Structure formats: C-alpha cells, structure tokens
C-alpha cells in the first residue's frame, strides 16, 4: 500500500499509461481487422460478384437477341 501522495500519483499515472497502451493496441488490432476485411472483399468477393453479374447480363442479352433479333427492338424494346 502506498504511503505517500507522490506514490499514489505515480501509481495512477502508470495505470493511465497502461490504459492508453491497451487502447492503442485495441485500436491497432481494429484497424488491422478492417484492412483484412477490405482485402477479402476486394480480392475474393468482388471478382465472384463481377463474374456472376457478367454471366447474368450475358444470358439476359442473349435471350433478348433470340427473341427480338438485332434491330431497333433489341435496343429500344417493342
């Protein structure tokens, strides 16, 4: 148990430093996690989404071509 006021204030400053250090570490881990999520999205999910949307669009265009031909109806509708 601290016996003087100076020891109390120094112990409180150590506790504050520990809290700030823990906050800094938590903030750093959070930023790393966000960076990893961004990488997963841009490297894995975005290409699969583009592939899926491209195939859907191409199937839609091909069926429209088979139904209407390649004239004004294809571009503007019936």
PDB file of N, CA and C in Angstrom:
ATOM      1  N   UNK A   1       0.847  -1.175   0.000  1.00  0.00           N
ATOM      2  CA  UNK A   1       0.000   0.000   0.000  1.00  0.00           C
ATOM      3  C   UNK A   1       0.889   1.233   0.000  1.00  0.00           C
ATOM      4  N   UNK A   2       0.620   2.192  -0.897  1.00  0.00           N
ATOM      5  CA  UNK A   2       1.455   3.391  -0.966  1.00  0.00           C
ATOM      6  C   UNK A   2       1.317   4.224   0.299  1.00  0.00           C
ATOM      7  N   UNK A   3       2.448   4.773   0.708  1.00  0.00           N
ATOM      8  CA  UNK A   3       2.432   5.526   1.954  1.00  0.00           C
ATOM      9  C   UNK A   3       2.433   7.034   1.743  1.00  0.00           C
ATOM     10  N   UNK A   4       2.710   7.505   0.550  1.00  0.00           N
ATOM     11  CA  UNK A   4       2.734   8.949   0.347  1.00  0.00           C
ATOM     12  C   UNK A   4       1.894   9.334  -0.869  1.00  0.00           C
ATOM     13  N   UNK A   5       1.616  10.620  -0.984  1.00  0.00           N
ATOM     14  CA  UNK A   5       0.820  11.139  -2.092  1.00  0.00           C
ATOM     15  C   UNK A   5       1.577  10.998  -3.404  1.00  0.00           C
ATOM     16  N   UNK A   6       2.886  11.162  -3.367  1.00  0.00           N
ATOM     17  CA  UNK A   6       3.696  11.025  -4.585  1.00  0.00           C
ATOM     18  C   UNK A   6       3.594   9.608  -5.145  1.00  0.00           C
ATOM     19  N   UNK A   7       3.606   8.618  -4.273  1.00  0.00           N
ATOM     20  CA  UNK A   7       3.485   7.232  -4.732  1.00  0.00           C
ATOM     21  C   UNK A   7       2.105   6.980  -5.324  1.00  0.00           C
ATOM     22  N   UNK A   8       1.071   7.578  -4.732  1.00  0.00           N
ATOM     23  CA  UNK A   8      -0.279   7.439  -5.270  1.00  0.00           C
ATOM     24  C   UNK A   8      -0.389   8.046  -6.660  1.00  0.00           C
ATOM     25  N   UNK A   9       0.154   9.241  -6.840  1.00  0.00           N
ATOM     26  CA  UNK A   9       0.060   9.900  -8.144  1.00  0.00           C
ATOM     27  C   UNK A   9       0.895   9.153  -9.189  1.00  0.00           C
ATOM     28  N   UNK A  10       2.057   8.615  -8.795  1.00  0.00           N
ATOM     29  CA  UNK A  10       2.862   7.877  -9.767  1.00  0.00           C
ATOM     30  C   UNK A  10       2.171   6.570 -10.137  1.00  0.00           C
ATOM     31  N   UNK A  11       1.519   5.928  -9.167  1.00  0.00           N
ATOM     32  CA  UNK A  11       0.795   4.694  -9.469  1.00  0.00           C
ATOM     33  C   UNK A  11      -0.396   4.991 -10.384  1.00  0.00           C
ATOM     34  N   UNK A  12      -1.087   6.103 -10.189  1.00  0.00           N
ATOM     35  CA  UNK A  12      -2.208   6.483 -11.046  1.00  0.00           C
ATOM     36  C   UNK A  12      -1.716   6.775 -12.462  1.00  0.00           C
ATOM     37  N   UNK A  13      -0.563   7.409 -12.599  1.00  0.00           N
ATOM     38  CA  UNK A  13      -0.048   7.698 -13.933  1.00  0.00           C
ATOM     39  C   UNK A  13       0.348   6.405 -14.644  1.00  0.00           C
ATOM     40  N   UNK A  14       0.863   5.417 -13.895  1.00  0.00           N
ATOM     41  CA  UNK A  14       1.167   4.125 -14.511  1.00  0.00           C
ATOM     42  C   UNK A  14      -0.111   3.449 -14.994  1.00  0.00           C
ATOM     43  N   UNK A  15      -1.175   3.535 -14.210  1.00  0.00           N
ATOM     44  CA  UNK A  15      -2.449   2.948 -14.622  1.00  0.00           C
ATOM     45  C   UNK A  15      -2.983   3.645 -15.880  1.00  0.00           C
ATOM     46  N   UNK A  16      -2.850   4.970 -15.933  1.00  0.00           N
ATOM     47  CA  UNK A  16      -3.290   5.714 -17.112  1.00  0.00           C
ATOM     48  C   UNK A  16      -2.471   5.320 -18.336  1.00  0.00           C
ATOM     49  N   UNK A  17      -1.172   5.155 -18.155  1.00  0.00           N
ATOM     50  CA  UNK A  17      -0.317   4.731 -19.268  1.00  0.00           C
ATOM     51  C   UNK A  17      -0.710   3.345 -19.750  1.00  0.00           C
ATOM     52  N   UNK A  18      -1.022   2.447 -18.818  1.00  0.00           N
ATOM     53  CA  UNK A  18      -1.463   1.104 -19.194  1.00  0.00           C
ATOM     54  C   UNK A  18      -2.770   1.157 -19.973  1.00  0.00           C
ATOM     55  N   UNK A  19      -3.704   1.992 -19.528  1.00  0.00           N
ATOM     56  CA  UNK A  19      -4.981   2.134 -20.229  1.00  0.00           C
ATOM     57  C   UNK A  19      -4.780   2.691 -21.635  1.00  0.00           C
ATOM     58  N   UNK A  20      -3.918   3.693 -21.740  1.00  0.00           N
ATOM     59  CA  UNK A  20      -3.644   4.269 -23.059  1.00  0.00           C
ATOM     60  C   UNK A  20      -2.967   3.250 -23.967  1.00  0.00           C
ATOM     61  N   UNK A  21      -2.063   2.467 -23.400  1.00  0.00           N
ATOM     62  CA  UNK A  21      -1.373   1.445 -24.188  1.00  0.00           C
ATOM     63  C   UNK A  21      -2.358   0.366 -24.654  1.00  0.00           C
ATOM     64  N   UNK A  22      -3.251  -0.055 -23.767  1.00  0.00           N
ATOM     65  CA  UNK A  22      -4.261  -1.048 -24.140  1.00  0.00           C
ATOM     66  C   UNK A  22      -5.205  -0.488 -25.205  1.00  0.00           C
ATOM     67  N   UNK A  23      -5.578   0.778 -25.060  1.00  0.00           N
ATOM     68  CA  UNK A  23      -6.437   1.417 -26.061  1.00  0.00           C
ATOM     69  C   UNK A  23      -5.729   1.487 -27.406  1.00  0.00           C
ATOM     70  N   UNK A  24      -4.453   1.824 -27.393  1.00  0.00           N
ATOM     71  CA  UNK A  24      -3.671   1.895 -28.631  1.00  0.00           C
ATOM     72  C   UNK A  24      -3.594   0.520 -29.288  1.00  0.00           C
ATOM     73  N   UNK A  25      -3.343  -0.522 -28.505  1.00  0.00           N
ATOM     74  CA  UNK A  25      -3.277  -1.872 -29.058  1.00  0.00           C
ATOM     75  C   UNK A  25      -4.623  -2.314 -29.627  1.00  0.00           C
ATOM     76  N   UNK A  26      -5.702  -2.005 -28.912  1.00  0.00           N
ATOM     77  CA  UNK A  26      -7.043  -2.367 -29.401  1.00  0.00           C
ATOM     78  C   UNK A  26      -7.352  -1.627 -30.696  1.00  0.00           C
ATOM     79  N   UNK A  27      -6.986  -0.349 -30.767  1.00  0.00           N
ATOM     80  CA  UNK A  27      -7.212   0.436 -31.976  1.00  0.00           C
ATOM     81  C   UNK A  27      -6.410  -0.132 -33.143  1.00  0.00           C
ATOM     82  N   UNK A  28      -5.169  -0.527 -32.877  1.00  0.00           N
ATOM     83  CA  UNK A  28      -4.324  -1.092 -33.921  1.00  0.00           C
ATOM     84  C   UNK A  28      -4.897  -2.420 -34.420  1.00  0.00           C
ATOM     85  N   UNK A  29      -5.372  -3.275 -33.522  1.00  0.00           N
ATOM     86  CA  UNK A  29      -5.984  -4.542 -33.918  1.00  0.00           C
ATOM     87  C   UNK A  29      -7.257  -4.304 -34.739  1.00  0.00           C
ATOM     88  N   UNK A  30      -8.046  -3.304 -34.345  1.00  0.00           N
ATOM     89  CA  UNK A  30      -9.274  -2.989 -35.076  1.00  0.00           C
ATOM     90  C   UNK A  30      -8.948  -2.549 -36.506  1.00  0.00           C
ATOM     91  N   UNK A  31      -7.935  -1.695 -36.648  1.00  0.00           N
ATOM     92  CA  UNK A  31      -7.546  -1.233 -37.980  1.00  0.00           C
ATOM     93  C   UNK A  31      -7.007  -2.378 -38.833  1.00  0.00           C
ATOM     94  N   UNK A  32      -6.272  -3.295 -38.230  1.00  0.00           N
ATOM     95  CA  UNK A  32      -5.784  -4.467 -38.964  1.00  0.00           C
ATOM     96  C   UNK A  32      -6.946  -5.345 -39.417  1.00  0.00           C
ATOM     97  N   UNK A  33      -7.947  -5.512 -38.554  1.00  0.00           N
ATOM     98  CA  UNK A  33      -9.118  -6.313 -38.917  1.00  0.00           C
ATOM     99  C   UNK A  33      -9.875  -5.673 -40.075  1.00  0.00           C
ATOM    100  N   UNK A  34     -10.047  -4.365 -40.039  1.00  0.00           N
ATOM    101  CA  UNK A  34     -10.714  -3.668 -41.141  1.00  0.00           C
ATOM    102  C   UNK A  34      -9.916  -3.812 -42.440  1.00  0.00           C
ATOM    103  N   UNK A  35      -8.608  -3.745 -42.343  1.00  0.00           N
ATOM    104  CA  UNK A  35      -7.771  -3.915 -43.528  1.00  0.00           C
ATOM    105  C   UNK A  35      -7.927  -5.324 -44.102  1.00  0.00           C
ATOM    106  N   UNK A  36      -7.980  -6.332 -43.236  1.00  0.00           N
ATOM    107  CA  UNK A  36      -8.167  -7.705 -43.698  1.00  0.00           C
ATOM    108  C   UNK A  36      -9.531  -7.889 -44.358  1.00  0.00           C
ATOM    109  N   UNK A  37     -10.572  -7.300 -43.780  1.00  0.00           N
ATOM    110  CA  UNK A  37     -11.899  -7.378 -44.399  1.00  0.00           C
ATOM    111  C   UNK A  37     -11.913  -6.710 -45.763  1.00  0.00           C
ATOM    112  N   UNK A  38     -11.243  -5.589 -45.880  1.00  0.00           N
ATOM    113  CA  UNK A  38     -11.153  -4.890 -47.166  1.00  0.00           C
ATOM    114  C   UNK A  38     -10.449  -5.756 -48.195  1.00  0.00           C
ATOM    115  N   UNK A  39      -9.368  -6.422 -47.791  1.00  0.00           N
ATOM    116  CA  UNK A  39      -8.648  -7.300 -48.707  1.00  0.00           C
ATOM    117  C   UNK A  39      -9.511  -8.479 -49.130  1.00  0.00           C
ATOM    118  N   UNK A  40     -10.237  -9.082 -48.196  1.00  0.00           N
ATOM    119  CA  UNK A  40     -11.114 -10.208 -48.539  1.00  0.00           C
ATOM    120  C   UNK A  40     -12.159  -9.760 -49.542  1.00  0.00           C
ATOM    121  N   UNK A  41     -12.739  -8.604 -49.304  1.00  0.00           N
ATOM    122  CA  UNK A  41     -13.768  -8.099 -50.212  1.00  0.00           C
ATOM    123  C   UNK A  41     -13.205  -7.830 -51.593  1.00  0.00           C
ATOM    124  N   UNK A  42     -12.061  -7.171 -51.658  1.00  0.00           N
ATOM    125  CA  UNK A  42     -11.542  -6.775 -52.964  1.00  0.00           C
ATOM    126  C   UNK A  42     -10.873  -7.920 -53.718  1.00  0.00           C
ATOM    127  N   UNK A  43     -10.334  -8.899 -53.029  1.00  0.00           N
ATOM    128  CA  UNK A  43      -9.624  -9.977 -53.705  1.00  0.00           C
ATOM    129  C   UNK A  43     -10.519 -11.181 -53.969  1.00  0.00           C
ATOM    130  N   UNK A  44     -11.446 -11.480 -53.078  1.00  0.00           N
ATOM    131  CA  UNK A  44     -12.250 -12.696 -53.195  1.00  0.00           C
ATOM    132  C   UNK A  44     -13.670 -12.399 -53.659  1.00  0.00           C
ATOM    133  N   UNK A  45     -14.377 -11.551 -52.941  1.00  0.00           N
ATOM    134  CA  UNK A  45     -15.805 -11.367 -53.203  1.00  0.00           C
ATOM    135  C   UNK A  45     -16.085 -10.547 -54.457  1.00  0.00           C
ATOM    136  N   UNK A  46     -15.326  -9.504 -54.701  1.00  0.00           N
ATOM    137  CA  UNK A  46     -15.582  -8.651 -55.855  1.00  0.00           C
ATOM    138  C   UNK A  46     -15.429  -9.388 -57.189  1.00  0.00           C
ATOM    139  N   UNK A  47     -14.395 -10.190 -57.386  1.00  0.00           N
ATOM    140  CA  UNK A  47     -14.318 -10.937 -58.650  1.00  0.00           C
ATOM    141  C   UNK A  47     -15.478 -11.927 -58.837  1.00  0.00           C
ATOM    142  N   UNK A  48     -15.886 -12.612 -57.770  1.00  0.00           N
ATOM    143  CA  UNK A  48     -17.004 -13.541 -57.897  1.00  0.00           C
ATOM    144  C   UNK A  48     -18.303 -12.806 -58.203  1.00  0.00           C
ATOM    145  N   UNK A  49     -18.500 -11.656 -57.577  1.00  0.00           N
ATOM    146  CA  UNK A  49     -19.687 -10.856 -57.856  1.00  0.00           C
ATOM    147  C   UNK A  49     -19.678 -10.375 -59.306  1.00  0.00           C
ATOM    148  N   UNK A  50     -18.543  -9.925 -59.800  1.00  0.00           N
ATOM    149  CA  UNK A  50     -18.438  -9.488 -61.187  1.00  0.00           C
ATOM    150  C   UNK A  50     -18.674 -10.626 -62.166  1.00  0.00           C
ATOM    151  N   UNK A  51     -18.157 -11.786 -61.843  1.00  0.00           N
ATOM    152  CA  UNK A  51     -18.362 -12.955 -62.701  1.00  0.00           C
ATOM    153  C   UNK A  51     -19.838 -13.318 -62.761  1.00  0.00           C
ATOM    154  N   UNK A  52     -20.499 -13.323 -61.601  1.00  0.00           N
ATOM    155  CA  UNK A  52     -21.919 -13.671 -61.532  1.00  0.00           C
ATOM    156  C   UNK A  52     -22.772 -12.646 -62.289  1.00  0.00           C
ATOM    157  N   UNK A  53     -22.521 -11.358 -62.056  1.00  0.00           N
ATOM    158  CA  UNK A  53     -23.287 -10.320 -62.746  1.00  0.00           C
ATOM    159  C   UNK A  53     -23.033 -10.343 -64.251  1.00  0.00           C
ATOM    160  N   UNK A  54     -21.803 -10.591 -64.658  1.00  0.00           N
ATOM    161  CA  UNK A  54     -21.490 -10.669 -66.082  1.00  0.00           C
ATOM    162  C   UNK A  54     -22.216 -11.817 -66.767  1.00  0.00           C
ATOM    163  N   UNK A  55     -22.267 -12.946 -66.113  1.00  0.00           N
ATOM    164  CA  UNK A  55     -22.978 -14.086 -66.699  1.00  0.00           C
ATOM    165  C   UNK A  55     -24.484 -13.819 -66.770  1.00  0.00           C
ATOM    166  N   UNK A  56     -25.055 -13.240 -65.712  1.00  0.00           N
ATOM    167  CA  UNK A  56     -26.493 -12.924 -65.747  1.00  0.00           C
ATOM    168  C   UNK A  56     -26.811 -11.957 -66.870  1.00  0.00           C
ATOM    169  N   UNK A  57     -25.989 -10.917 -67.015  1.00  0.00           N
ATOM    170  CA  UNK A  57     -26.218  -9.930 -68.050  1.00  0.00           C
ATOM    171  C   UNK A  57     -26.082 -10.553 -69.429  1.00  0.00           C
ATOM    172  N   UNK A  58     -25.084 -11.409 -69.621  1.00  0.00           N
ATOM    173  CA  UNK A  58     -24.891 -12.021 -70.937  1.00  0.00           C
ATOM    174  C   UNK A  58     -26.042 -12.969 -71.273  1.00  0.00           C
ATOM    175  N   UNK A  59     -26.553 -13.715 -70.300  1.00  0.00           N
ATOM    176  CA  UNK A  59     -27.711 -14.577 -70.556  1.00  0.00           C
ATOM    177  C   UNK A  59     -28.940 -13.742 -70.913  1.00  0.00           C
ATOM    178  N   UNK A  60     -29.127 -12.623 -70.224  1.00  0.00           N
ATOM    179  CA  UNK A  60     -30.261 -11.745 -70.499  1.00  0.00           C
ATOM    180  C   UNK A  60     -30.159 -11.166 -71.910  1.00  0.00           C
ATOM    181  N   UNK A  61     -28.959 -10.702 -72.292  1.00  0.00           N
ATOM    182  CA  UNK A  61     -28.758 -10.127 -73.625  1.00  0.00           C
ATOM    183  C   UNK A  61     -28.960 -11.200 -74.696  1.00  0.00           C
ATOM    184  N   UNK A  62     -28.474 -12.401 -74.477  1.00  0.00           N
ATOM    185  CA  UNK A  62     -28.604 -13.460 -75.466  1.00  0.00           C
ATOM    186  C   UNK A  62     -30.068 -13.865 -75.661  1.00  0.00           C
ATOM    187  N   UNK A  63     -30.824 -13.993 -74.569  1.00  0.00           N
ATOM    188  CA  UNK A  63     -32.246 -14.340 -74.727  1.00  0.00           C
ATOM    189  C   UNK A  63     -33.007 -13.202 -75.392  1.00  0.00           C
ATOM    190  N   UNK A  64     -32.650 -11.963 -75.123  1.00  0.00           N
ATOM    191  CA  UNK A  64     -33.289 -10.819 -75.786  1.00  0.00           C
ATOM    192  C   UNK A  64     -32.974 -10.821 -77.279  1.00  0.00           C
ATOM    193  N   UNK A  65     -31.722 -11.163 -77.623  1.00  0.00           N
ATOM    194  CA  UNK A  65     -31.324 -11.264 -79.021  1.00  0.00           C
ATOM    195  C   UNK A  65     -32.116 -12.374 -79.723  1.00  0.00           C
ATOM    196  N   UNK A  66     -32.260 -13.534 -79.082  1.00  0.00           N
ATOM    197  CA  UNK A  66     -33.010 -14.632 -79.694  1.00  0.00           C
ATOM    198  C   UNK A  66     -34.480 -14.262 -79.887  1.00  0.00           C
ATOM    199  N   UNK A  67     -35.049 -13.505 -78.964  1.00  0.00           N
ATOM    200  CA  UNK A  67     -36.463 -13.146 -79.021  1.00  0.00           C
ATOM    201  C   UNK A  67     -36.729 -11.999 -79.989  1.00  0.00           C
ATOM    202  N   UNK A  68     -35.869 -10.967 -79.998  1.00  0.00           N
ATOM    203  CA  UNK A  68     -36.155  -9.757 -80.778  1.00  0.00           C
ATOM    204  C   UNK A  68     -35.266  -9.569 -81.999  1.00  0.00           C
ATOM    205  N   UNK A  69     -34.168 -10.250 -82.064  1.00  0.00           N
ATOM    206  CA  UNK A  69     -33.236 -10.016 -83.157  1.00  0.00           C
ATOM    207  C   UNK A  69     -32.348  -8.822 -82.842  1.00  0.00           C
ATOM    208  N   UNK A  70     -31.551  -8.421 -83.820  1.00  0.00           N
ATOM    209  CA  UNK A  70     -30.590  -7.344 -83.573  1.00  0.00           C
ATOM    210  C   UNK A  70     -31.009  -6.090 -84.337  1.00  0.00           C
ATOM    211  N   UNK A  71     -32.157  -5.563 -83.989  1.00  0.00           N
ATOM    212  CA  UNK A  71     -32.650  -4.357 -84.654  1.00  0.00           C
ATOM    213  C   UNK A  71     -33.020  -3.310 -83.631  1.00  0.00           C
ATOM    214  N   UNK A  72     -33.938  -2.423 -84.011  1.00  0.00           N
ATOM    215  CA  UNK A  72     -34.398  -1.368 -83.098  1.00  0.00           C
ATOM    216  C   UNK A  72     -35.085  -1.960 -81.873  1.00  0.00           C
ATOM    217  N   UNK A  73     -35.801  -3.045 -82.057  1.00  0.00           N
ATOM    218  CA  UNK A  73     -36.492  -3.679 -80.931  1.00  0.00           C
ATOM    219  C   UNK A  73     -35.541  -4.182 -79.867  1.00  0.00           C
ATOM    220  N   UNK A  74     -34.354  -4.588 -80.270  1.00  0.00           N
ATOM    221  CA  UNK A  74     -33.362  -5.059 -79.305  1.00  0.00           C
ATOM    222  C   UNK A  74     -32.920  -3.931 -78.386  1.00  0.00           C
ATOM    223  N   UNK A  75     -32.711  -2.757 -78.939  1.00  0.00           N
ATOM    224  CA  UNK A  75     -32.208  -1.631 -78.160  1.00  0.00           C
ATOM    225  C   UNK A  75     -33.328  -0.909 -77.430  1.00  0.00           C
ATOM    226  N   UNK A  76     -34.429  -0.624 -78.117  1.00  0.00           N
ATOM    227  CA  UNK A  76     -35.486   0.211 -77.546  1.00  0.00           C
ATOM    228  C   UNK A  76     -36.685  -0.571 -77.035  1.00  0.00           C
ATOM    229  N   UNK A  77     -36.775  -1.848 -77.279  1.00  0.00           N
ATOM    230  CA  UNK A  77     -37.926  -2.632 -76.874  1.00  0.00           C
ATOM    231  C   UNK A  77     -38.977  -2.642 -77.962  1.00  0.00           C
ATOM    232  N   UNK A  78     -40.063  -3.330 -77.719  1.00  0.00           N
ATOM    233  CA  UNK A  78     -41.114  -3.459 -78.752  1.00  0.00           C
ATOM    234  C   UNK A  78     -41.909  -2.212 -78.901  1.00  0.00           C
TER     235      UNK A  78
END
